[in-house]
Amino acid sequence: MGKFKLTASFLAISAVTLIIAAIVILKVSTSQEERNIASMTTEQSARDAGHLARSIIRTLAEGMDLEANEALITGPAATGNTEESMREFLSNQTSFG
């Protein structure tokens, strides 16, 4: 056993070093993947929100017979008549039902 003492210690140190390296690589790659996924989903959510906003603006513009840009600028919130517009909207909705 005395002849293989150096070889056994080399194998033990090599195994420990490889295990430590594997753990470090796993931790670093996992945190990097989490950051990539978070940034990717944030970008996708922002794009989805933009598409929804454009769809809503287009729908409102078609309902008001205005251009999409005008609907964004001249909507009820921009004119300050929000309460009156809401009353009118609700009364129109209840009259259909």
Protein backbone atom coordinates (compact mmCIF):
# COMPACT_ATOMS: atom_id res chain seq x y z
CA MET A 1 0.00 0.00 0.00
CA GLY A 2 2.99 2.30 0.55
CA LYS A 3 3.74 2.28 -3.17
CA PHE A 4 0.30 3.58 -4.09
CA LYS A 5 0.02 6.25 -1.38
CA LEU A 6 0.98 9.05 -3.78
CA THR A 7 -1.34 7.72 -6.50
CA ALA A 8 -4.25 7.39 -4.07
CA SER A 9 -3.76 10.95 -2.79
CA PHE A 10 -3.56 12.22 -6.40
CA LEU A 11 -6.83 10.48 -7.27
CA ALA A 12 -8.53 11.82 -4.13
CA ILE A 13 -7.38 15.40 -4.77
CA SER A 14 -8.38 15.12 -8.45
CA ALA A 15 -11.84 13.85 -7.55
CA VAL A 16 -12.39 16.63 -5.00
CA THR A 17 -11.17 19.26 -7.48
CA LEU A 18 -13.46 17.97 -10.22
CA ILE A 19 -16.46 17.90 -7.87
CA ILE A 20 -15.79 21.47 -6.72
CA ALA A 21 -15.38 22.64 -10.34
CA ALA A 22 -18.63 20.93 -11.33
CA ILE A 23 -20.52 22.57 -8.47
CA VAL A 24 -19.13 26.03 -9.32
CA ILE A 25 -19.97 25.64 -13.01
CA LEU A 26 -23.48 24.45 -12.17
CA LYS A 27 -24.10 27.44 -9.85
CA VAL A 28 -22.74 29.99 -12.35
CA SER A 29 -24.63 28.55 -15.32
CA THR A 30 -27.87 28.32 -13.35
CA SER A 31 -27.76 31.96 -12.25
CA GLN A 32 -26.84 33.06 -15.79
CA GLU A 33 -29.75 31.06 -17.22
CA GLU A 34 -32.12 32.58 -14.69
CA ARG A 35 -31.00 36.09 -15.69
CA ASN A 36 -31.40 35.26 -19.37
CA ILE A 37 -34.88 33.83 -18.85
CA ALA A 38 -35.92 36.83 -16.76
CA SER A 39 -34.74 39.34 -19.35
CA MET A 40 -36.28 37.34 -22.18
CA THR A 41 -39.68 37.13 -20.49
CA THR A 42 -39.54 40.84 -19.61
CA GLU A 43 -38.91 41.72 -23.25
CA GLN A 44 -41.72 39.42 -24.38
CA SER A 45 -44.12 40.94 -21.83
CA ALA A 46 -43.27 44.44 -23.02
CA ARG A 47 -43.92 43.41 -26.64
CA ASP A 48 -47.23 41.79 -25.67
CA ALA A 49 -48.28 44.92 -23.78
CA GLY A 50 -47.44 47.04 -26.82
CA HIS A 51 -49.55 44.82 -29.07
CA LEU A 52 -52.46 44.98 -26.62
CA ALA A 53 -52.21 48.75 -26.35
CA ARG A 54 -52.19 49.17 -30.13
CA SER A 55 -55.19 46.85 -30.44
CA ILE A 56 -57.13 48.75 -27.80
CA ILE A 57 -56.28 52.10 -29.38
CA ARG A 58 -57.29 50.81 -32.81
CA THR A 59 -60.56 49.43 -31.43
CA LEU A 60 -61.34 52.69 -29.64
CA ALA A 61 -60.47 54.66 -32.77
CA GLU A 62 -62.80 52.55 -34.89
CA GLY A 63 -65.58 53.00 -32.35
CA MET A 64 -65.08 56.77 -32.25
CA ASP A 65 -64.48 57.12 -36.02
CA LEU A 66 -61.10 58.71 -35.34
CA GLU A 67 -57.57 57.99 -36.40
CA ALA A 68 -55.59 55.83 -33.96
CA ASN A 69 -53.36 58.75 -32.95
CA GLU A 70 -56.33 61.04 -32.37
CA ALA A 71 -58.03 58.44 -30.17
CA LEU A 72 -54.98 58.30 -27.98
CA ILE A 73 -54.85 62.08 -27.62
CA THR A 74 -58.56 63.01 -27.56
CA GLY A 75 -59.94 60.17 -25.46
CA PRO A 76 -62.11 60.90 -22.40
CA ALA A 77 -59.13 61.02 -20.05
CA ALA A 78 -57.45 63.71 -22.15
CA THR A 79 -60.54 65.95 -22.30
CA GLY A 80 -61.31 65.72 -18.59
CA ASN A 81 -64.87 64.44 -19.16
CA THR A 82 -64.21 60.99 -17.80
CA GLU A 83 -67.15 60.90 -15.41
CA GLU A 84 -69.58 62.13 -18.03
CA SER A 85 -68.21 59.70 -20.62
CA MET A 86 -68.52 56.81 -18.19
CA ARG A 87 -72.14 57.72 -17.40
CA GLU A 88 -72.92 57.88 -21.12
CA PHE A 89 -71.15 54.57 -21.75
CA LEU A 90 -72.98 52.82 -18.91
CA SER A 91 -76.36 54.19 -19.95
CA ASN A 92 -75.75 52.95 -23.52
CA GLN A 93 -74.75 49.54 -22.22
CA THR A 94 -77.82 49.15 -20.02
CA SER A 95 -80.15 50.27 -22.78
CA PHE A 96 -78.97 47.40 -25.01
CA GLY A 97 -79.47 44.73 -22.36
